[in-house]
Amino acid sequence: MIASIYMKLSSNANSAPPFDKSDLNPTELVSVFEGWAASDGRDHLETGNIPDYMKSINYLKRLIAINEESAPK
């Protein structure tokens, strides 16, 4: 599930949000999006495809957390 959502979000064909998504792993994508949303993206969080993208980022973030919690220690 993480890989599937990550591939959809990191695809360059997806216009939202307007930052380079190449060469980011799933965790980095979440971090870069959150950084963008906190600064440059503040004024755009409710426009265009950004709300749907943000929902998917939040879902990806939860899946990453679940995966980390369930990893053998």
PDB file of N, CA and C in Angstrom:
ATOM      1  N   MET A   1       0.820  -1.189   0.000  1.00  0.00           N
ATOM      2  CA  MET A   1       0.000   0.000   0.000  1.00  0.00           C
ATOM      3  C   MET A   1       0.866   1.256   0.000  1.00  0.00           C
ATOM      4  N   ILE A   2       1.942   1.244   0.797  1.00  0.00           N
ATOM      5  CA  ILE A   2       2.830   2.401   0.854  1.00  0.00           C
ATOM      6  C   ILE A   2       3.403   2.674  -0.531  1.00  0.00           C
ATOM      7  N   ALA A   3       3.886   1.640  -1.193  1.00  0.00           N
ATOM      8  CA  ALA A   3       4.491   1.809  -2.517  1.00  0.00           C
ATOM      9  C   ALA A   3       3.492   2.344  -3.528  1.00  0.00           C
ATOM     10  N   SER A   4       2.270   1.840  -3.483  1.00  0.00           N
ATOM     11  CA  SER A   4       1.237   2.269  -4.418  1.00  0.00           C
ATOM     12  C   SER A   4       0.890   3.749  -4.234  1.00  0.00           C
ATOM     13  N   ILE A   5       0.661   4.146  -3.007  1.00  0.00           N
ATOM     14  CA  ILE A   5       0.320   5.546  -2.726  1.00  0.00           C
ATOM     15  C   ILE A   5       1.506   6.452  -3.041  1.00  0.00           C
ATOM     16  N   TYR A   6       2.693   6.000  -2.673  1.00  0.00           N
ATOM     17  CA  TYR A   6       3.899   6.772  -2.950  1.00  0.00           C
ATOM     18  C   TYR A   6       4.072   6.988  -4.456  1.00  0.00           C
ATOM     19  N   MET A   7       3.891   5.950  -5.254  1.00  0.00           N
ATOM     20  CA  MET A   7       4.047   6.081  -6.708  1.00  0.00           C
ATOM     21  C   MET A   7       3.060   7.087  -7.273  1.00  0.00           C
ATOM     22  N   LYS A   8       1.839   7.059  -6.791  1.00  0.00           N
ATOM     23  CA  LYS A   8       0.830   8.005  -7.268  1.00  0.00           C
ATOM     24  C   LYS A   8       1.220   9.435  -6.892  1.00  0.00           C
ATOM     25  N   LEU A   9       1.654   9.627  -5.666  1.00  0.00           N
ATOM     26  CA  LEU A   9       1.987  10.976  -5.187  1.00  0.00           C
ATOM     27  C   LEU A   9       3.279  11.520  -5.779  1.00  0.00           C
ATOM     28  N   SER A  10       4.230  10.661  -6.067  1.00  0.00           N
ATOM     29  CA  SER A  10       5.525  11.129  -6.546  1.00  0.00           C
ATOM     30  C   SER A  10       5.597  11.243  -8.060  1.00  0.00           C
ATOM     31  N   SER A  11       4.556  10.817  -8.742  1.00  0.00           N
ATOM     32  CA  SER A  11       4.526  10.885 -10.199  1.00  0.00           C
ATOM     33  C   SER A  11       4.635  12.334 -10.664  1.00  0.00           C
ATOM     34  N   ASN A  12       5.536  12.579 -11.603  1.00  0.00           N
ATOM     35  CA  ASN A  12       5.681  13.935 -12.138  1.00  0.00           C
ATOM     36  C   ASN A  12       4.457  14.373 -12.919  1.00  0.00           C
ATOM     37  N   ALA A  13       3.619  13.430 -13.323  1.00  0.00           N
ATOM     38  CA  ALA A  13       2.398  13.780 -14.039  1.00  0.00           C
ATOM     39  C   ALA A  13       1.402  14.479 -13.124  1.00  0.00           C
ATOM     40  N   ASN A  14       1.554  14.275 -11.814  1.00  0.00           N
ATOM     41  CA  ASN A  14       0.658  14.908 -10.846  1.00  0.00           C
ATOM     42  C   ASN A  14       1.117  16.343 -10.632  1.00  0.00           C
ATOM     43  N   SER A  15       0.267  17.298 -10.928  1.00  0.00           N
ATOM     44  CA  SER A  15       0.662  18.703 -10.863  1.00  0.00           C
ATOM     45  C   SER A  15       0.678  19.273  -9.447  1.00  0.00           C
ATOM     46  N   ALA A  16       0.106  18.580  -8.497  1.00  0.00           N
ATOM     47  CA  ALA A  16       0.055  19.117  -7.143  1.00  0.00           C
ATOM     48  C   ALA A  16       1.011  18.362  -6.252  1.00  0.00           C
ATOM     49  N   PRO A  17       1.708  18.999  -5.423  1.00  0.00           N
ATOM     50  CA  PRO A  17       2.072  20.415  -5.356  1.00  0.00           C
ATOM     51  C   PRO A  17       3.274  20.718  -6.258  1.00  0.00           C
ATOM     52  N   PRO A  18       3.588  21.971  -6.444  1.00  0.00           N
ATOM     53  CA  PRO A  18       4.626  22.351  -7.409  1.00  0.00           C
ATOM     54  C   PRO A  18       6.050  22.317  -6.858  1.00  0.00           C
ATOM     55  N   PHE A  19       6.518  21.166  -6.429  1.00  0.00           N
ATOM     56  CA  PHE A  19       7.921  21.021  -6.049  1.00  0.00           C
ATOM     57  C   PHE A  19       8.434  19.716  -6.637  1.00  0.00           C
ATOM     58  N   ASP A  20       9.734  19.580  -6.749  1.00  0.00           N
ATOM     59  CA  ASP A  20      10.341  18.393  -7.351  1.00  0.00           C
ATOM     60  C   ASP A  20      10.149  17.185  -6.440  1.00  0.00           C
ATOM     61  N   LYS A  21       9.473  16.188  -6.966  1.00  0.00           N
ATOM     62  CA  LYS A  21       9.175  14.990  -6.185  1.00  0.00           C
ATOM     63  C   LYS A  21      10.093  13.824  -6.549  1.00  0.00           C
ATOM     64  N   SER A  22      10.990  14.045  -7.508  1.00  0.00           N
ATOM     65  CA  SER A  22      11.869  12.962  -7.942  1.00  0.00           C
ATOM     66  C   SER A  22      12.938  12.679  -6.888  1.00  0.00           C
ATOM     67  N   ASP A  23      13.353  11.446  -6.837  1.00  0.00           N
ATOM     68  CA  ASP A  23      14.416  11.001  -5.930  1.00  0.00           C
ATOM     69  C   ASP A  23      14.090  11.144  -4.452  1.00  0.00           C
ATOM     70  N   LEU A  24      12.808  11.171  -4.109  1.00  0.00           N
ATOM     71  CA  LEU A  24      12.397  11.201  -2.703  1.00  0.00           C
ATOM     72  C   LEU A  24      11.831   9.836  -2.345  1.00  0.00           C
ATOM     73  N   ASN A  25      12.172   9.339  -1.152  1.00  0.00           N
ATOM     74  CA  ASN A  25      11.521   8.116  -0.691  1.00  0.00           C
ATOM     75  C   ASN A  25      10.203   8.525  -0.022  1.00  0.00           C
ATOM     76  N   PRO A  26       9.340   7.575   0.363  1.00  0.00           N
ATOM     77  CA  PRO A  26       8.049   7.939   0.940  1.00  0.00           C
ATOM     78  C   PRO A  26       8.149   8.872   2.155  1.00  0.00           C
ATOM     79  N   THR A  27       9.074   8.600   3.056  1.00  0.00           N
ATOM     80  CA  THR A  27       9.216   9.439   4.247  1.00  0.00           C
ATOM     81  C   THR A  27       9.675  10.846   3.873  1.00  0.00           C
ATOM     82  N   GLU A  28      10.608  10.933   2.934  1.00  0.00           N
ATOM     83  CA  GLU A  28      11.084  12.244   2.484  1.00  0.00           C
ATOM     84  C   GLU A  28       9.972  13.023   1.793  1.00  0.00           C
ATOM     85  N   LEU A  29       9.149  12.333   1.006  1.00  0.00           N
ATOM     86  CA  LEU A  29       8.036  12.999   0.330  1.00  0.00           C
ATOM     87  C   LEU A  29       7.096  13.635   1.343  1.00  0.00           C
ATOM     88  N   VAL A  30       6.793  12.912   2.402  1.00  0.00           N
ATOM     89  CA  VAL A  30       5.932  13.455   3.460  1.00  0.00           C
ATOM     90  C   VAL A  30       6.591  14.689   4.082  1.00  0.00           C
ATOM     91  N   SER A  31       7.864  14.603   4.398  1.00  0.00           N
ATOM     92  CA  SER A  31       8.580  15.720   5.025  1.00  0.00           C
ATOM     93  C   SER A  31       8.652  16.938   4.117  1.00  0.00           C
ATOM     94  N   VAL A  32       8.960  16.705   2.838  1.00  0.00           N
ATOM     95  CA  VAL A  32       9.051  17.822   1.896  1.00  0.00           C
ATOM     96  C   VAL A  32       7.679  18.479   1.726  1.00  0.00           C
ATOM     97  N   PHE A  33       6.631  17.660   1.623  1.00  0.00           N
ATOM     98  CA  PHE A  33       5.288  18.231   1.494  1.00  0.00           C
ATOM     99  C   PHE A  33       4.937  19.065   2.728  1.00  0.00           C
ATOM    100  N   GLU A  34       5.194  18.524   3.910  1.00  0.00           N
ATOM    101  CA  GLU A  34       4.874  19.262   5.135  1.00  0.00           C
ATOM    102  C   GLU A  34       5.660  20.567   5.218  1.00  0.00           C
ATOM    103  N   GLY A  35       6.930  20.559   4.800  1.00  0.00           N
ATOM    104  CA  GLY A  35       7.720  21.781   4.772  1.00  0.00           C
ATOM    105  C   GLY A  35       7.167  22.783   3.786  1.00  0.00           C
ATOM    106  N   TRP A  36       6.794  22.299   2.596  1.00  0.00           N
ATOM    107  CA  TRP A  36       6.202  23.169   1.584  1.00  0.00           C
ATOM    108  C   TRP A  36       4.885  23.760   2.088  1.00  0.00           C
ATOM    109  N   ALA A  37       4.050  22.915   2.685  1.00  0.00           N
ATOM    110  CA  ALA A  37       2.737  23.372   3.172  1.00  0.00           C
ATOM    111  C   ALA A  37       2.878  24.409   4.274  1.00  0.00           C
ATOM    112  N   ALA A  38       3.909  24.281   5.086  1.00  0.00           N
ATOM    113  CA  ALA A  38       4.112  25.216   6.199  1.00  0.00           C
ATOM    114  C   ALA A  38       4.665  26.563   5.734  1.00  0.00           C
ATOM    115  N   SER A  39       5.257  26.602   4.553  1.00  0.00           N
ATOM    116  CA  SER A  39       5.841  27.870   4.098  1.00  0.00           C
ATOM    117  C   SER A  39       5.225  28.289   2.768  1.00  0.00           C
ATOM    118  N   ASP A  40       5.809  27.869   1.661  1.00  0.00           N
ATOM    119  CA  ASP A  40       5.356  28.307   0.342  1.00  0.00           C
ATOM    120  C   ASP A  40       3.930  27.892   0.018  1.00  0.00           C
ATOM    121  N   GLY A  41       3.468  26.789   0.546  1.00  0.00           N
ATOM    122  CA  GLY A  41       2.159  26.266   0.189  1.00  0.00           C
ATOM    123  C   GLY A  41       1.000  26.753   1.025  1.00  0.00           C
ATOM    124  N   ARG A  42       1.279  27.518   2.061  1.00  0.00           N
ATOM    125  CA  ARG A  42       0.209  27.961   2.972  1.00  0.00           C
ATOM    126  C   ARG A  42      -1.004  28.518   2.238  1.00  0.00           C
ATOM    127  N   ASP A  43      -0.755  29.362   1.247  1.00  0.00           N
ATOM    128  CA  ASP A  43      -1.854  30.024   0.546  1.00  0.00           C
ATOM    129  C   ASP A  43      -2.542  29.116  -0.470  1.00  0.00           C
ATOM    130  N   HIS A  44      -2.028  27.923  -0.694  1.00  0.00           N
ATOM    131  CA  HIS A  44      -2.556  27.041  -1.734  1.00  0.00           C
ATOM    132  C   HIS A  44      -3.183  25.759  -1.192  1.00  0.00           C
ATOM    133  N   LEU A  45      -3.227  25.593   0.108  1.00  0.00           N
ATOM    134  CA  LEU A  45      -3.679  24.326   0.690  1.00  0.00           C
ATOM    135  C   LEU A  45      -5.142  24.009   0.410  1.00  0.00           C
ATOM    136  N   GLU A  46      -5.930  25.005   0.068  1.00  0.00           N
ATOM    137  CA  GLU A  46      -7.352  24.760  -0.169  1.00  0.00           C
ATOM    138  C   GLU A  46      -7.736  24.947  -1.632  1.00  0.00           C
ATOM    139  N   THR A  47      -6.755  25.022  -2.531  1.00  0.00           N
ATOM    140  CA  THR A  47      -7.054  25.250  -3.942  1.00  0.00           C
ATOM    141  C   THR A  47      -6.625  24.073  -4.799  1.00  0.00           C
ATOM    142  N   GLY A  48      -7.233  23.952  -5.956  1.00  0.00           N
ATOM    143  CA  GLY A  48      -6.851  22.934  -6.936  1.00  0.00           C
ATOM    144  C   GLY A  48      -6.871  21.528  -6.377  1.00  0.00           C
ATOM    145  N   ASN A  49      -5.827  20.772  -6.680  1.00  0.00           N
ATOM    146  CA  ASN A  49      -5.724  19.372  -6.255  1.00  0.00           C
ATOM    147  C   ASN A  49      -5.064  19.211  -4.895  1.00  0.00           C
ATOM    148  N   ILE A  50      -4.645  20.306  -4.290  1.00  0.00           N
ATOM    149  CA  ILE A  50      -3.873  20.233  -3.043  1.00  0.00           C
ATOM    150  C   ILE A  50      -4.633  19.541  -1.912  1.00  0.00           C
ATOM    151  N   PRO A  51      -5.925  19.827  -1.681  1.00  0.00           N
ATOM    152  CA  PRO A  51      -6.610  19.127  -0.575  1.00  0.00           C
ATOM    153  C   PRO A  51      -6.601  17.609  -0.736  1.00  0.00           C
ATOM    154  N   ASP A  52      -6.825  17.104  -1.946  1.00  0.00           N
ATOM    155  CA  ASP A  52      -6.789  15.657  -2.174  1.00  0.00           C
ATOM    156  C   ASP A  52      -5.380  15.116  -1.997  1.00  0.00           C
ATOM    157  N   TYR A  53      -4.391  15.871  -2.468  1.00  0.00           N
ATOM    158  CA  TYR A  53      -2.991  15.461  -2.315  1.00  0.00           C
ATOM    159  C   TYR A  53      -2.630  15.398  -0.837  1.00  0.00           C
ATOM    160  N   MET A  54      -3.091  16.394  -0.076  1.00  0.00           N
ATOM    161  CA  MET A  54      -2.813  16.451   1.357  1.00  0.00           C
ATOM    162  C   MET A  54      -3.450  15.259   2.077  1.00  0.00           C
ATOM    163  N   LYS A  55      -4.648  14.873   1.691  1.00  0.00           N
ATOM    164  CA  LYS A  55      -5.291  13.699   2.292  1.00  0.00           C
ATOM    165  C   LYS A  55      -4.462  12.451   2.033  1.00  0.00           C
ATOM    166  N   SER A  56      -3.967  12.318   0.812  1.00  0.00           N
ATOM    167  CA  SER A  56      -3.144  11.160   0.475  1.00  0.00           C
ATOM    168  C   SER A  56      -1.819  11.177   1.220  1.00  0.00           C
ATOM    169  N   ILE A  57      -1.224  12.353   1.373  1.00  0.00           N
ATOM    170  CA  ILE A  57       0.020  12.481   2.144  1.00  0.00           C
ATOM    171  C   ILE A  57      -0.223  12.053   3.592  1.00  0.00           C
ATOM    172  N   ASN A  58      -1.322  12.495   4.177  1.00  0.00           N
ATOM    173  CA  ASN A  58      -1.637  12.123   5.557  1.00  0.00           C
ATOM    174  C   ASN A  58      -1.864  10.616   5.687  1.00  0.00           C
ATOM    175  N   TYR A  59      -2.508  10.021   4.699  1.00  0.00           N
ATOM    176  CA  TYR A  59      -2.711   8.572   4.684  1.00  0.00           C
ATOM    177  C   TYR A  59      -1.373   7.854   4.585  1.00  0.00           C
ATOM    178  N   LEU A  60      -0.501   8.338   3.686  1.00  0.00           N
ATOM    179  CA  LEU A  60       0.829   7.763   3.541  1.00  0.00           C
ATOM    180  C   LEU A  60       1.611   7.870   4.847  1.00  0.00           C
ATOM    181  N   LYS A  61       1.506   9.004   5.496  1.00  0.00           N
ATOM    182  CA  LYS A  61       2.208   9.228   6.777  1.00  0.00           C
ATOM    183  C   LYS A  61       1.743   8.214   7.829  1.00  0.00           C
ATOM    184  N   ARG A  62       0.444   7.971   7.897  1.00  0.00           N
ATOM    185  CA  ARG A  62      -0.095   6.993   8.854  1.00  0.00           C
ATOM    186  C   ARG A  62       0.387   5.580   8.520  1.00  0.00           C
ATOM    187  N   LEU A  63       0.399   5.228   7.239  1.00  0.00           N
ATOM    188  CA  LEU A  63       0.872   3.898   6.839  1.00  0.00           C
ATOM    189  C   LEU A  63       2.350   3.707   7.174  1.00  0.00           C
ATOM    190  N   ILE A  64       3.148   4.740   6.967  1.00  0.00           N
ATOM    191  CA  ILE A  64       4.572   4.664   7.307  1.00  0.00           C
ATOM    192  C   ILE A  64       4.730   4.443   8.810  1.00  0.00           C
ATOM    193  N   ALA A  65       3.954   5.166   9.607  1.00  0.00           N
ATOM    194  CA  ALA A  65       4.023   5.016  11.064  1.00  0.00           C
ATOM    195  C   ALA A  65       3.621   3.604  11.493  1.00  0.00           C
ATOM    196  N   ILE A  66       2.567   3.070  10.899  1.00  0.00           N
ATOM    197  CA  ILE A  66       2.127   1.710  11.215  1.00  0.00           C
ATOM    198  C   ILE A  66       3.211   0.710  10.832  1.00  0.00           C
ATOM    199  N   ASN A  67       3.807   0.905   9.662  1.00  0.00           N
ATOM    200  CA  ASN A  67       4.870   0.011   9.211  1.00  0.00           C
ATOM    201  C   ASN A  67       6.058   0.038  10.157  1.00  0.00           C
ATOM    202  N   GLU A  68       6.440   1.226  10.602  1.00  0.00           N
ATOM    203  CA  GLU A  68       7.561   1.355  11.532  1.00  0.00           C
ATOM    204  C   GLU A  68       7.255   0.720  12.874  1.00  0.00           C
ATOM    205  N   GLU A  69       6.025   0.893  13.365  1.00  0.00           N
ATOM    206  CA  GLU A  69       5.631   0.315  14.651  1.00  0.00           C
ATOM    207  C   GLU A  69       5.590  -1.201  14.602  1.00  0.00           C
ATOM    208  N   SER A  70       5.242  -1.748  13.450  1.00  0.00           N
ATOM    209  CA  SER A  70       5.099  -3.209  13.353  1.00  0.00           C
ATOM    210  C   SER A  70       6.391  -3.904  12.913  1.00  0.00           C
ATOM    211  N   ALA A  71       7.426  -3.143  12.613  1.00  0.00           N
ATOM    212  CA  ALA A  71       8.701  -3.740  12.179  1.00  0.00           C
ATOM    213  C   ALA A  71       9.338  -4.491  13.336  1.00  0.00           C
ATOM    214  N   PRO A  72       9.944  -5.631  13.040  1.00  0.00           N
ATOM    215  CA  PRO A  72      10.637  -6.378  14.097  1.00  0.00           C
ATOM    216  C   PRO A  72      11.761  -5.541  14.703  1.00  0.00           C
ATOM    217  N   LYS A  73      11.919  -5.692  16.003  1.00  0.00           N
ATOM    218  CA  LYS A  73      12.952  -4.909  16.686  1.00  0.00           C
ATOM    219  C   LYS A  73      14.063  -5.781  17.152  1.00  0.00           C
TER     220      LYS A  73
END
